Amino acid sequence: MDQSSNVPKLRHLKRFKRLDTINESSEDVPRFIGTSTKNAFGFRFNNNNHKFQNFQSSPINKSLYFSLSSFDSANNSFATKEQCNGVNNKTTTVGNSVDKMSVIPRFYFPVISKIQENRLESVLIKIQEILSSNNYLNRSHFGLITRECSLPRYMSSALFYKIVELGNGNEHITLDQFERIWKMLIKTSKDEASLCFNILRNDKNNFLTIDNFVIVLKDIIMNHPGLECLRKNFIFRERYVETVICRLFYDYNRNWSGKMTYKEFKRMDLPGMLRKLESKVDPNNSCDYFSYKHFYVIYCKFWELENDYDLRINKKDLARYSDNALTSRIIDRVINGYGKMTDLSMKEYDSNNPKMSYRDFIWFLLSEVDKSTNTSIEYWFRCLDSDGDGVLSVYELEWFYEEQLNRMKLFGIEPIKFKDCICQMFDLIKPSNPYVITLKDLKRCKRNASPFFDMFFNLSKFIAYENYQQQLGEVNEIDAYVNVEYEKILRAEQNRRRSHEKLEALGTANKNIPHKVTLDGFRSNVVGNRFIRYSNKQIICEEIDDSDDDKNSDEEDDDDNEELL
């Protein structure tokens, strides 16, 4: 048997000359055998001077060459680890180059802190100035300390309680305690995002939950001048915190687990959001996650549907959403948690009478208003996928469309046959499989995902799409929806107040004017151009007048009075 058959077949092995055959005094250099002086790695060898210095310049080439040169042709085997270490610990000199072939330079550094430790000196000096008049640090001092640490202003409460947690649990913090814990946080953080992530998270977890963000939102409410109206109102404050955090998780928690990883947190860029918020006087004029206007509209929409004041919505309540715009079949899927698993605990959830919490309603409303985002597409895809096989078949879509067809006939709209409907939708989505529609197909054409979903469970929006196709995708759906609904709420509140003032002037004012929620001891506060009505026990949310006409004349005001009475 041929002895060469036992030799391992390595690609390009015979093209290299072995390391131990190199004559340092000769012109012999490792190169490919052939007439060309340019090797496969793109380096041209100079027979006079360079030898294999260029070949050594890359750590990959060096590693490859060392592996090939360790093959022992006499024994038909590679050198052992000990043999390699013994040979390669010796320095090999070729030309002017001195190198150890076994050493590969490090190219991956998992944690490199970019936070300058020299900032610690200025922080300690500032703390010493504070301690000159106090024996310890308390919560009120951390506004200045957070600024010296180059962190956002609204991270001060989180930093304070983190030091208390890692310390002895005492809220009286000493200089040594702060220095020890701050150095530990810097050592485990490579940038500002990871530092904020480590401050917010629990020590036993490598993720963030909704509860970890509460302390930051409460710090914003208590210190931002534009949110002063929420400080004395506990109910509004709690709902505002829930709304902002749920919107953050809606957009950035892509695994739907309620556990935000560091990668998701970094993509969210919370420190950047907080710094922008510091420069804004009134969050009501913004369109970001901290917008008071967005919160106010979402909460009022929730109170329009909620009747028994337990912060829960059942199937009957949800059916009244947007003047019964949704079909009963899709409502049944939503209320049973197919779009999103409910946040209610097992004790609170009743399978015979399922309900939706306020957090669940936020996800529902954001998904219903704008169906072109990744989260909303996943939400409605799960609702339509009745058999849970991961694709939308023609049979599933036909089952949802049956109710839409009946609604068309009921409203006097010329019905569209399902065959024509499915052809139109497939032309709109252009699925890779001509028989089913997958989640990937819908995400590939996000702009057309909204009319696709509306066709099967929201008839009014689909008709609007047919009439105004050219306007689709030109504006932010959430911002446009909030602006329209916010103006309706203000107009309805102003009309109600004018009507009540006229009745009082005539001496015929009814103190018990029926509202959606009638409670004793409510009071009204005017903050800027918005009216906030609340009670010590419940929030009062007035019914919204959907009329688009301005009611400024006396005759129209009299009509309003008759309706109120």
Protein backbone atom coordinates (compact mmCIF):
# COMPACT_ATOMS: atom_id res chain seq x y z
CA MET A 1 0.00 0.00 0.00
CA ASP A 2 1.27 3.40 -0.88
CA GLN A 3 2.61 5.16 2.16
CA SER A 4 1.51 8.53 0.81
CA SER A 5 -2.11 7.48 1.18
CA ASN A 6 -1.79 7.92 4.95
CA VAL A 7 -0.80 11.55 4.58
CA PRO A 8 -3.68 13.89 5.49
CA LYS A 9 -4.98 15.69 2.45
CA LEU A 10 -4.63 19.39 3.22
CA ARG A 11 -5.43 21.98 0.64
CA HIS A 12 -2.33 23.84 -0.58
CA LEU A 13 -0.13 21.88 1.85
CA LYS A 14 2.48 20.98 -0.76
CA ARG A 15 2.66 24.53 -2.04
CA PHE A 16 4.39 25.77 1.12
CA LYS A 17 7.93 25.00 2.02
CA ARG A 18 8.33 23.81 5.56
CA LEU A 19 9.64 26.14 8.22
CA ASP A 20 12.50 23.90 9.26
CA THR A 21 13.89 23.85 5.67
CA ILE A 22 14.34 27.61 5.49
CA ASN A 23 17.92 28.66 5.08
CA GLU A 24 18.27 32.01 6.73
CA SER A 25 21.32 32.93 4.68
CA SER A 26 19.81 32.00 1.36
CA GLU A 27 17.20 33.52 -0.85
CA ASP A 28 14.81 30.67 0.05
CA VAL A 29 11.46 32.08 1.17
CA PRO A 30 8.00 30.50 1.53
CA ARG A 31 6.06 31.16 -1.64
CA PHE A 32 3.80 29.41 -4.09
CA ILE A 33 5.67 27.31 -6.61
CA GLY A 34 5.28 28.81 -10.04
CA THR A 35 6.47 31.53 -12.29
CA SER A 36 4.39 34.29 -10.67
CA THR A 37 5.94 36.16 -7.77
CA LYS A 38 2.52 37.06 -6.31
CA ASN A 39 0.97 34.65 -3.84
CA ALA A 40 -2.71 33.85 -3.18
CA PHE A 41 -2.96 36.45 -0.42
CA GLY A 42 -2.09 39.31 -2.72
CA PHE A 43 1.46 39.92 -1.43
CA ARG A 44 4.31 40.21 -3.91
CA PHE A 45 7.61 38.82 -2.67
CA ASN A 46 10.93 40.49 -3.32
CA ASN A 47 13.68 37.90 -3.77
CA ASN A 48 16.30 40.30 -2.40
CA ASN A 49 14.97 41.85 0.80
CA HIS A 50 11.37 41.34 1.93
CA LYS A 51 11.29 37.55 2.09
CA PHE A 52 8.12 36.58 4.04
CA GLN A 53 7.73 39.72 6.17
CA ASN A 54 4.61 40.73 4.25
CA PHE A 55 3.22 37.25 4.72
CA GLN A 56 3.61 37.64 8.49
CA SER A 57 1.80 40.99 8.60
CA SER A 58 -1.64 39.36 8.97
CA PRO A 59 -2.42 37.27 12.09
CA ILE A 60 -4.58 34.98 9.93
CA ASN A 61 -1.72 34.30 7.51
CA LYS A 62 0.64 33.75 10.42
CA SER A 63 -1.68 31.24 12.04
CA LEU A 64 -2.22 29.42 8.75
CA TYR A 65 1.48 29.24 7.99
CA PHE A 66 2.31 27.97 11.48
CA SER A 67 -0.34 25.25 11.24
CA LEU A 68 0.97 24.07 7.89
CA SER A 69 4.59 24.19 8.98
CA SER A 70 3.89 21.99 12.03
CA PHE A 71 3.18 18.97 9.78
CA ASP A 72 5.85 16.30 10.05
CA SER A 73 6.15 14.55 6.72
CA ALA A 74 8.43 11.84 8.13
CA ASN A 75 5.85 10.62 10.62
CA ASN A 76 2.85 11.55 8.47
CA SER A 77 1.39 13.58 11.37
CA PHE A 78 1.21 17.03 12.85
CA ALA A 79 3.43 18.06 15.72
CA THR A 80 1.90 17.80 19.19
CA LYS A 81 1.05 20.83 21.29
CA GLU A 82 4.11 20.28 23.47
CA GLN A 83 6.37 19.95 20.43
CA CYS A 84 4.97 23.15 18.94
CA ASN A 85 5.51 25.01 22.19
CA GLY A 86 9.04 23.69 22.46
CA VAL A 87 10.01 24.68 18.93
CA ASN A 88 8.21 27.97 18.71
CA ASN A 89 9.40 29.34 22.02
CA LYS A 90 12.68 29.73 20.21
CA THR A 91 12.97 33.00 18.36
CA THR A 92 13.29 32.65 14.59
CA THR A 93 15.15 35.44 12.81
CA VAL A 94 14.52 35.94 9.11
CA GLY A 95 16.13 39.02 7.62
CA ASN A 96 15.36 41.90 9.98
CA SER A 97 12.20 40.29 11.42
CA VAL A 98 12.00 38.79 14.93
CA ASP A 99 8.77 36.99 15.79
CA LYS A 100 7.33 34.05 17.70
CA MET A 101 5.17 32.20 15.24
CA SER A 102 2.94 30.67 17.91
CA VAL A 103 1.72 34.03 19.30
CA ILE A 104 -1.43 35.43 17.67
CA PRO A 105 -2.16 39.07 18.56
CA ARG A 106 -5.37 39.63 20.49
CA PHE A 107 -8.10 41.13 18.32
CA TYR A 108 -11.24 40.86 20.53
CA PHE A 109 -11.70 42.91 23.67
CA PRO A 110 -15.09 42.14 25.30
CA VAL A 111 -15.16 45.03 27.79
CA ILE A 112 -13.17 48.21 27.30
CA SER A 113 -14.47 50.99 29.51
CA LYS A 114 -14.66 54.28 27.63
CA ILE A 115 -15.75 56.10 30.77
CA GLN A 116 -12.85 58.23 31.92
CA GLU A 117 -11.83 57.44 35.46
CA ASN A 118 -10.26 60.86 35.83
CA ARG A 119 -13.83 62.18 36.11
CA LEU A 120 -13.94 60.45 39.48
CA GLU A 121 -11.65 63.06 40.99
CA SER A 122 -13.98 65.93 40.13
CA VAL A 123 -16.93 63.91 41.45
CA LEU A 124 -15.17 63.25 44.76
CA ILE A 125 -14.24 66.91 45.09
CA LYS A 126 -17.89 67.88 44.59
CA ILE A 127 -18.98 65.32 47.18
CA GLN A 128 -16.46 66.62 49.68
CA GLU A 129 -17.92 70.10 49.23
CA ILE A 130 -21.37 68.71 49.98
CA LEU A 131 -20.13 66.75 52.99
CA SER A 132 -18.53 69.87 54.44
CA SER A 133 -22.01 70.95 55.49
CA ASN A 134 -23.53 67.46 55.80
CA ASN A 135 -22.35 64.23 57.35
CA TYR A 136 -23.75 62.08 54.56
CA LEU A 137 -25.30 62.16 51.09
CA ASN A 138 -29.06 61.94 50.66
CA ARG A 139 -31.47 61.90 47.71
CA SER A 140 -31.48 65.69 47.23
CA HIS A 141 -27.72 65.79 46.60
CA PHE A 142 -27.73 63.41 43.65
CA GLY A 143 -28.98 65.98 41.14
CA LEU A 144 -25.57 67.65 41.22
CA ILE A 145 -23.68 64.38 41.59
CA THR A 146 -25.36 62.87 38.52
CA ARG A 147 -24.37 65.90 36.49
CA GLU A 148 -20.75 65.58 37.64
CA CYS A 149 -20.84 61.90 36.66
CA SER A 150 -21.87 62.93 33.11
CA LEU A 151 -25.18 61.07 33.37
CA PRO A 152 -28.63 62.39 32.36
CA ARG A 153 -30.33 64.46 35.03
CA TYR A 154 -33.28 62.09 35.35
CA MET A 155 -31.01 59.16 36.28
CA SER A 156 -30.31 60.70 39.69
CA SER A 157 -32.95 58.74 41.62
CA ALA A 158 -31.93 55.48 39.94
CA LEU A 159 -28.26 56.09 40.80
CA PHE A 160 -29.11 56.96 44.41
CA TYR A 161 -31.16 53.82 45.05
CA LYS A 162 -28.62 51.67 43.21
CA ILE A 163 -25.90 52.79 45.61
CA VAL A 164 -28.25 52.19 48.53
CA GLU A 165 -29.01 48.69 47.20
CA LEU A 166 -25.35 47.77 46.71
CA GLY A 167 -24.38 49.35 50.01
CA ASN A 168 -25.69 48.53 53.44
CA GLY A 169 -29.27 49.51 52.61
CA ASN A 170 -28.96 52.78 54.48
CA GLU A 171 -30.04 55.89 52.59
CA HIS A 172 -27.29 57.88 54.34
CA ILE A 173 -24.39 57.41 51.88
CA THR A 174 -20.80 58.14 52.85
CA LEU A 175 -17.93 59.19 50.60
CA ASP A 176 -16.15 55.83 50.81
CA GLN A 177 -19.36 53.97 50.00
CA PHE A 178 -20.03 56.09 46.92
CA GLU A 179 -16.44 55.80 45.66
CA ARG A 180 -16.37 52.01 46.04
CA ILE A 181 -19.69 51.41 44.27
CA TRP A 182 -19.08 53.98 41.53
CA LYS A 183 -15.73 52.37 40.65
CA MET A 184 -17.44 49.00 40.51
CA LEU A 185 -20.09 50.33 38.13
CA ILE A 186 -17.47 51.90 35.87
CA LYS A 187 -15.43 48.71 35.80
CA THR A 188 -18.37 46.63 34.56
CA SER A 189 -19.60 49.23 32.01
CA LYS A 190 -18.02 49.94 28.65
CA ASP A 191 -20.09 52.98 27.66
CA GLU A 192 -22.88 55.23 28.86
CA ALA A 193 -25.65 52.87 27.72
CA SER A 194 -24.21 49.91 29.61
CA LEU A 195 -23.70 52.10 32.69
CA CYS A 196 -27.35 53.16 32.70
CA PHE A 197 -28.37 49.56 32.04
CA ASN A 198 -26.38 48.34 35.05
CA ILE A 199 -27.82 51.07 37.25
CA LEU A 200 -31.41 50.17 36.37
CA ARG A 201 -31.25 46.38 36.37
CA ASN A 202 -31.43 44.09 39.38
CA ASP A 203 -28.17 42.40 40.30
CA LYS A 204 -29.57 38.92 39.71
CA ASN A 205 -30.94 39.74 36.24
CA ASN A 206 -29.26 40.54 32.95
CA PHE A 207 -32.41 42.22 31.60
CA LEU A 208 -34.81 45.06 32.43
CA THR A 209 -38.51 44.76 33.22
CA ILE A 210 -41.25 47.38 33.28
CA ASP A 211 -40.74 47.94 36.99
CA ASN A 212 -37.08 48.93 36.46
CA PHE A 213 -38.13 52.00 34.43
CA VAL A 214 -40.66 53.31 36.95
CA ILE A 215 -38.06 55.14 39.02
CA VAL A 216 -36.85 57.09 35.97
CA LEU A 217 -40.38 58.14 34.98
CA LYS A 218 -41.21 59.27 38.51
CA ASP A 219 -38.01 61.32 38.55
CA ILE A 220 -39.11 63.00 35.31
CA ILE A 221 -42.57 63.80 36.69
CA MET A 222 -41.24 65.27 39.93
CA ASN A 223 -38.55 67.42 38.29
CA HIS A 224 -39.69 68.36 34.78
CA PRO A 225 -41.49 71.74 34.76
CA GLY A 226 -43.80 70.72 31.92
CA LEU A 227 -45.30 67.84 33.94
CA GLU A 228 -46.14 69.79 37.07
CA CYS A 229 -49.84 69.03 36.55
CA LEU A 230 -49.23 65.34 37.28
CA ARG A 231 -47.49 65.73 40.64
CA LYS A 232 -50.62 66.20 42.73
CA ASN A 233 -52.68 63.66 40.82
CA PHE A 234 -51.74 60.13 41.79
CA ILE A 235 -54.03 58.35 39.31
CA PHE A 236 -52.94 60.38 36.29
CA ARG A 237 -49.30 60.01 37.36
CA GLU A 238 -49.48 56.23 37.56
CA ARG A 239 -51.21 55.93 34.19
CA TYR A 240 -48.67 58.29 32.58
CA VAL A 241 -45.81 56.11 33.85
CA GLU A 242 -47.50 52.96 32.51
CA THR A 243 -48.18 54.55 29.13
CA VAL A 244 -44.62 55.74 28.52
CA ILE A 245 -43.01 52.47 29.58
CA CYS A 246 -45.44 50.35 27.55
CA ARG A 247 -44.73 52.42 24.47
CA LEU A 248 -40.98 51.89 24.95
CA PHE A 249 -41.43 48.13 25.28
CA TYR A 250 -43.84 48.11 22.34
CA ASP A 251 -41.19 49.50 19.99
CA TYR A 252 -37.97 47.98 21.35
CA ASN A 253 -38.76 44.71 23.17
CA ARG A 254 -38.79 42.64 20.01
CA ASN A 255 -39.03 39.23 21.72
CA TRP A 256 -42.36 40.18 23.40
CA SER A 257 -41.14 38.72 26.71
CA GLY A 258 -41.38 41.84 28.85
CA LYS A 259 -37.63 41.46 29.47
CA MET A 260 -35.50 44.04 27.67
CA THR A 261 -31.97 42.91 26.91
CA TYR A 262 -28.93 45.16 26.79
CA LYS A 263 -28.91 45.05 22.99
CA GLU A 264 -32.51 46.31 22.88
CA PHE A 265 -31.78 48.91 25.56
CA LYS A 266 -28.80 50.24 23.64
CA ARG A 267 -30.81 50.47 20.44
CA MET A 268 -33.47 52.41 22.35
CA ASP A 269 -30.86 55.00 23.49
CA LEU A 270 -32.58 56.00 26.73
CA PRO A 271 -29.72 58.35 27.78
CA GLY A 272 -30.18 60.28 24.53
CA MET A 273 -33.94 60.51 25.09
CA LEU A 274 -33.43 61.84 28.62
CA ARG A 275 -30.95 64.46 27.45
CA LYS A 276 -33.39 65.71 24.82
CA LEU A 277 -36.11 65.84 27.44
CA GLU A 278 -33.95 68.07 29.64
CA SER A 279 -33.88 70.75 26.93
CA LYS A 280 -37.67 70.74 26.38
CA VAL A 281 -39.87 72.90 28.59
CA ASP A 282 -43.23 71.36 27.66
CA PRO A 283 -43.48 67.66 26.72
CA ASN A 284 -46.96 68.41 25.38
CA ASN A 285 -45.42 69.96 22.28
CA SER A 286 -43.28 66.92 21.54
CA CYS A 287 -44.17 63.75 19.67
CA ASP A 288 -41.81 61.38 21.47
CA TYR A 289 -42.53 58.74 24.10
CA PHE A 290 -42.81 61.31 26.92
CA SER A 291 -45.49 63.36 25.18
CA TYR A 292 -48.35 64.31 27.49
CA LYS A 293 -50.65 64.66 24.49
CA HIS A 294 -50.11 61.05 23.44
CA PHE A 295 -50.76 59.83 26.97
CA TYR A 296 -53.89 61.95 27.36
CA VAL A 297 -55.47 60.65 24.15
CA ILE A 298 -54.67 57.01 24.91
CA TYR A 299 -56.05 57.25 28.44
CA CYS A 300 -59.23 59.05 27.34
CA LYS A 301 -59.81 56.40 24.68
CA PHE A 302 -59.51 53.76 27.36
CA TRP A 303 -62.03 55.53 29.60
CA GLU A 304 -64.49 55.83 26.73
CA LEU A 305 -64.73 52.04 26.68
CA GLU A 306 -64.27 51.25 30.38
CA ASN A 307 -67.59 51.40 32.30
CA ASP A 308 -67.22 49.78 35.72
CA TYR A 309 -64.05 51.70 36.78
CA ASP A 310 -61.90 48.63 37.46
CA LEU A 311 -59.34 49.41 34.72
CA ARG A 312 -60.53 46.37 32.76
CA ILE A 313 -62.22 46.10 29.35
CA ASN A 314 -64.33 43.11 28.37
CA LYS A 315 -65.45 41.96 24.94
CA LYS A 316 -68.61 44.07 24.99
CA ASP A 317 -66.64 47.20 25.86
CA LEU A 318 -64.05 46.60 23.17
CA ALA A 319 -66.78 46.15 20.56
CA ARG A 320 -67.64 49.84 20.97
CA TYR A 321 -64.17 50.91 19.90
CA SER A 322 -64.25 53.53 17.13
CA ASP A 323 -68.03 53.24 16.65
CA ASN A 324 -68.02 49.45 16.26
CA ALA A 325 -65.36 49.54 13.55
CA LEU A 326 -63.96 46.07 14.24
CA THR A 327 -65.63 42.76 13.50
CA SER A 328 -66.73 40.51 16.35
CA ARG A 329 -64.43 37.71 15.22
CA ILE A 330 -61.28 39.79 15.45
CA ILE A 331 -62.45 41.24 18.78
CA ASP A 332 -62.84 37.74 20.13
CA ARG A 333 -59.27 36.91 19.08
CA VAL A 334 -57.89 40.11 20.63
CA ILE A 335 -59.72 39.84 23.95
CA ASN A 336 -58.60 36.21 24.33
CA GLY A 337 -54.95 37.26 24.11
CA TYR A 338 -54.00 35.84 20.71
CA GLY A 339 -52.43 39.12 19.60
CA LYS A 340 -50.64 39.67 22.91
CA MET A 341 -50.70 37.59 26.06
CA THR A 342 -52.55 39.47 28.79
CA ASP A 343 -50.68 41.19 31.62
CA LEU A 344 -53.35 40.11 34.11
CA SER A 345 -52.35 37.55 36.70
CA MET A 346 -53.91 34.11 36.84
CA LYS A 347 -56.09 35.20 39.76
CA GLU A 348 -57.41 38.21 37.85
CA TYR A 349 -57.93 36.46 34.52
CA ASP A 350 -61.18 34.60 33.90
CA SER A 351 -61.24 32.44 30.78
CA ASN A 352 -65.04 32.48 30.74
CA ASN A 353 -65.11 36.29 30.79
CA PRO A 354 -61.71 37.46 29.49
CA LYS A 355 -60.77 41.09 30.01
CA MET A 356 -58.09 43.46 28.82
CA SER A 357 -55.91 45.52 31.15
CA TYR A 358 -54.80 49.09 30.50
CA ARG A 359 -51.36 47.87 29.38
CA ASP A 360 -52.98 45.43 26.95
CA PHE A 361 -55.15 48.25 25.61
CA ILE A 362 -52.07 50.37 24.87
CA TRP A 363 -50.63 47.58 22.70
CA PHE A 364 -54.00 47.13 21.01
CA LEU A 365 -54.48 50.83 20.27
CA LEU A 366 -50.95 51.36 18.93
CA SER A 367 -51.30 48.28 16.72
CA GLU A 368 -54.73 49.32 15.45
CA VAL A 369 -53.79 52.90 14.62
CA ASP A 370 -50.56 52.07 12.77
CA LYS A 371 -50.45 48.60 11.24
CA SER A 372 -47.22 49.16 9.32
CA THR A 373 -44.75 48.63 12.20
CA ASN A 374 -43.05 45.33 12.97
CA THR A 375 -44.86 44.95 16.29
CA SER A 376 -48.30 45.71 14.85
CA ILE A 377 -47.76 43.32 11.93
CA GLU A 378 -46.84 40.55 14.35
CA TYR A 379 -49.82 41.45 16.55
CA TRP A 380 -52.46 41.18 13.83
CA PHE A 381 -50.76 38.24 12.13
CA ARG A 382 -51.18 36.22 15.32
CA CYS A 383 -54.82 37.24 15.51
CA LEU A 384 -55.55 36.14 11.94
CA ASP A 385 -53.55 32.91 12.21
CA SER A 386 -56.43 30.98 13.78
CA ASP A 387 -54.84 27.53 13.45
CA GLY A 388 -51.40 28.67 14.63
CA ASP A 389 -49.43 27.13 11.76
CA GLY A 390 -47.41 30.29 11.05
CA VAL A 391 -49.06 31.13 7.70
CA LEU A 392 -52.30 32.80 6.61
CA SER A 393 -54.17 30.45 4.32
CA VAL A 394 -57.06 31.32 2.05
CA TYR A 395 -59.46 29.43 4.34
CA GLU A 396 -58.50 31.53 7.38
CA LEU A 397 -58.83 34.79 5.46
CA GLU A 398 -62.20 33.72 4.06
CA TRP A 399 -63.52 33.01 7.57
CA PHE A 400 -62.66 36.56 8.71
CA TYR A 401 -63.94 38.11 5.49
CA GLU A 402 -67.40 36.56 5.81
CA GLU A 403 -68.35 39.04 8.52
CA GLN A 404 -66.91 41.93 6.54
CA LEU A 405 -69.08 40.91 3.58
CA ASN A 406 -72.18 41.01 5.77
CA ARG A 407 -71.23 44.44 7.10
CA MET A 408 -70.91 45.77 3.54
CA LYS A 409 -74.43 44.64 2.78
CA LEU A 410 -75.70 46.09 6.06
CA PHE A 411 -74.16 49.53 5.40
CA GLY A 412 -75.38 49.61 1.79
CA ILE A 413 -71.92 49.25 0.29
CA GLU A 414 -71.51 47.30 -2.89
CA PRO A 415 -70.02 43.99 -1.67
CA ILE A 416 -66.70 42.78 -3.01
CA LYS A 417 -66.56 39.08 -3.73
CA PHE A 418 -63.96 37.15 -1.78
CA LYS A 419 -62.32 35.95 -4.99
CA ASP A 420 -61.75 39.52 -6.12
CA CYS A 421 -60.66 40.51 -2.60
CA ILE A 422 -58.05 37.77 -2.27
CA CYS A 423 -56.66 38.50 -5.73
CA GLN A 424 -56.30 42.17 -4.83
CA MET A 425 -54.58 41.39 -1.51
CA PHE A 426 -52.18 38.90 -3.05
CA ASP A 427 -51.26 41.42 -5.73
CA LEU A 428 -50.71 43.96 -2.95
CA ILE A 429 -48.49 41.74 -0.79
CA LYS A 430 -46.84 39.64 -3.54
CA PRO A 431 -46.13 36.59 -1.32
CA SER A 432 -43.27 34.24 -2.14
CA ASN A 433 -45.71 31.31 -1.95
CA PRO A 434 -48.76 31.99 -4.18
CA TYR A 435 -51.05 30.00 -1.87
CA VAL A 436 -50.29 31.39 1.61
CA ILE A 437 -49.07 34.63 3.19
CA THR A 438 -46.27 34.54 5.75
CA LEU A 439 -45.11 37.05 8.33
CA LYS A 440 -42.00 37.67 6.25
CA ASP A 441 -44.14 38.65 3.26
CA LEU A 442 -46.00 41.27 5.28
CA LYS A 443 -42.85 42.72 6.83
CA ARG A 444 -41.27 42.97 3.40
CA CYS A 445 -44.01 45.37 2.25
CA LYS A 446 -44.92 47.20 5.47
CA ARG A 447 -46.66 49.99 3.60
CA ASN A 448 -49.27 47.60 2.24
CA ALA A 449 -49.74 45.68 5.49
CA SER A 450 -52.26 48.22 6.81
CA PRO A 451 -54.84 47.91 3.98
CA PHE A 452 -54.33 44.14 4.00
CA PHE A 453 -55.38 43.81 7.64
CA ASP A 454 -58.13 46.43 7.37
CA MET A 455 -59.70 44.50 4.52
CA PHE A 456 -60.50 41.60 6.83
CA PHE A 457 -61.62 43.31 10.05
CA ASN A 458 -61.82 47.13 9.77
CA LEU A 459 -64.12 48.15 6.94
CA SER A 460 -64.11 51.92 7.56
CA LYS A 461 -60.33 52.17 7.35
CA PHE A 462 -60.21 50.06 4.21
CA ILE A 463 -62.76 52.34 2.50
CA ALA A 464 -60.67 55.34 3.55
CA TYR A 465 -57.62 53.66 2.04
CA GLU A 466 -59.45 53.08 -1.25
CA ASN A 467 -60.37 56.78 -1.40
CA TYR A 468 -56.99 58.21 -0.31
CA GLN A 469 -54.34 55.76 -1.47
CA GLN A 470 -51.92 58.51 -2.41
CA GLN A 471 -51.71 59.73 1.20
CA LEU A 472 -50.69 56.36 2.66
CA GLY A 473 -47.35 56.40 4.42
CA GLU A 474 -46.78 60.14 4.03
CA VAL A 475 -47.35 60.96 7.71
CA ASN A 476 -46.79 59.27 11.03
CA GLU A 477 -50.04 57.44 11.77
CA ILE A 478 -49.74 57.71 15.56
CA ASP A 479 -48.97 61.44 15.54
CA ALA A 480 -51.77 62.19 13.07
CA TYR A 481 -54.27 60.17 15.10
CA VAL A 482 -53.27 61.84 18.38
CA ASN A 483 -53.51 65.36 16.94
CA VAL A 484 -57.01 64.77 15.58
CA GLU A 485 -58.35 63.08 18.72
CA TYR A 486 -56.73 65.63 21.03
CA GLU A 487 -58.47 68.49 19.25
CA LYS A 488 -61.79 66.65 19.53
CA ILE A 489 -61.32 66.21 23.27
CA LEU A 490 -60.47 69.89 23.80
CA ARG A 491 -63.38 71.04 21.65
CA ALA A 492 -65.83 68.82 23.50
CA GLU A 493 -64.57 70.03 26.87
CA GLN A 494 -64.78 73.68 25.85
CA ASN A 495 -68.32 73.22 24.52
CA ARG A 496 -69.38 71.56 27.74
CA ARG A 497 -67.92 74.35 29.86
CA ARG A 498 -69.57 77.10 27.79
CA SER A 499 -72.89 75.34 27.99
CA HIS A 500 -72.66 74.93 31.73
CA GLU A 501 -71.69 78.60 32.20
CA LYS A 502 -74.74 79.73 30.21
CA LEU A 503 -77.01 77.56 32.30
CA GLU A 504 -75.54 79.00 35.46
CA ALA A 505 -76.11 82.54 34.19
CA LEU A 506 -79.78 81.71 33.54
CA GLY A 507 -80.10 80.13 36.98
CA THR A 508 -81.16 76.81 35.50
CA ALA A 509 -77.85 74.99 35.74
CA ASN A 510 -78.17 71.40 36.73
CA LYS A 511 -75.36 70.52 39.10
CA ASN A 512 -75.74 66.86 38.28
CA ILE A 513 -75.21 67.10 34.55
CA PRO A 514 -74.87 63.53 33.35
CA HIS A 515 -71.35 62.74 32.22
CA LYS A 516 -69.69 59.50 31.38
CA VAL A 517 -68.40 59.34 34.94
CA THR A 518 -70.36 61.19 37.63
CA LEU A 519 -68.44 61.58 40.88
CA ASP A 520 -68.64 64.00 43.79
CA GLY A 521 -65.95 66.47 44.67
CA PHE A 522 -64.31 66.80 41.27
CA ARG A 523 -62.41 69.89 40.33
CA SER A 524 -60.96 71.31 37.13
CA ASN A 525 -57.47 72.60 36.58
CA VAL A 526 -56.43 74.55 33.54
CA VAL A 527 -52.82 73.88 32.56
CA GLY A 528 -51.82 75.80 29.49
CA ASN A 529 -54.49 75.13 26.88
CA ARG A 530 -55.61 71.77 28.28
CA PHE A 531 -58.27 71.04 30.88
CA ILE A 532 -57.62 68.29 33.39
CA ARG A 533 -60.62 66.97 35.30
CA TYR A 534 -60.06 64.56 38.12
CA SER A 535 -61.37 63.42 41.46
CA ASN A 536 -59.76 62.17 44.64
CA LYS A 537 -61.00 58.67 43.79
CA GLN A 538 -61.41 58.41 40.02
CA ILE A 539 -60.55 60.23 36.84
CA ILE A 540 -63.42 61.96 35.06
CA CYS A 541 -63.27 61.57 31.30
CA GLU A 542 -66.01 63.33 29.41
CA GLU A 543 -67.79 61.87 26.42
CA ILE A 544 -66.27 63.07 23.18
CA ASP A 545 -68.33 64.97 20.69
CA ASP A 546 -67.37 63.62 17.27
CA SER A 547 -68.88 66.51 15.34
CA ASP A 548 -66.39 68.18 13.04
CA ASP A 549 -68.25 71.50 12.87
CA ASP A 550 -67.27 74.34 15.16
CA LYS A 551 -70.13 75.23 17.50
CA ASN A 552 -69.55 78.88 18.09
CA SER A 553 -72.95 80.43 17.40
CA ASP A 554 -75.62 80.90 20.06
CA GLU A 555 -78.08 78.63 18.28
CA GLU A 556 -75.60 75.77 18.29
CA ASP A 557 -74.85 76.37 21.95
CA ASP A 558 -78.57 76.19 22.76
CA ASP A 559 -78.75 72.84 20.99
CA ASP A 560 -75.87 71.63 23.13
CA ASN A 561 -77.68 72.71 26.25
CA GLU A 562 -80.75 70.73 25.29
CA GLU A 563 -78.63 67.64 24.73
CA LEU A 564 -76.93 68.00 28.10
CA LEU A 565 -80.23 68.48 29.91
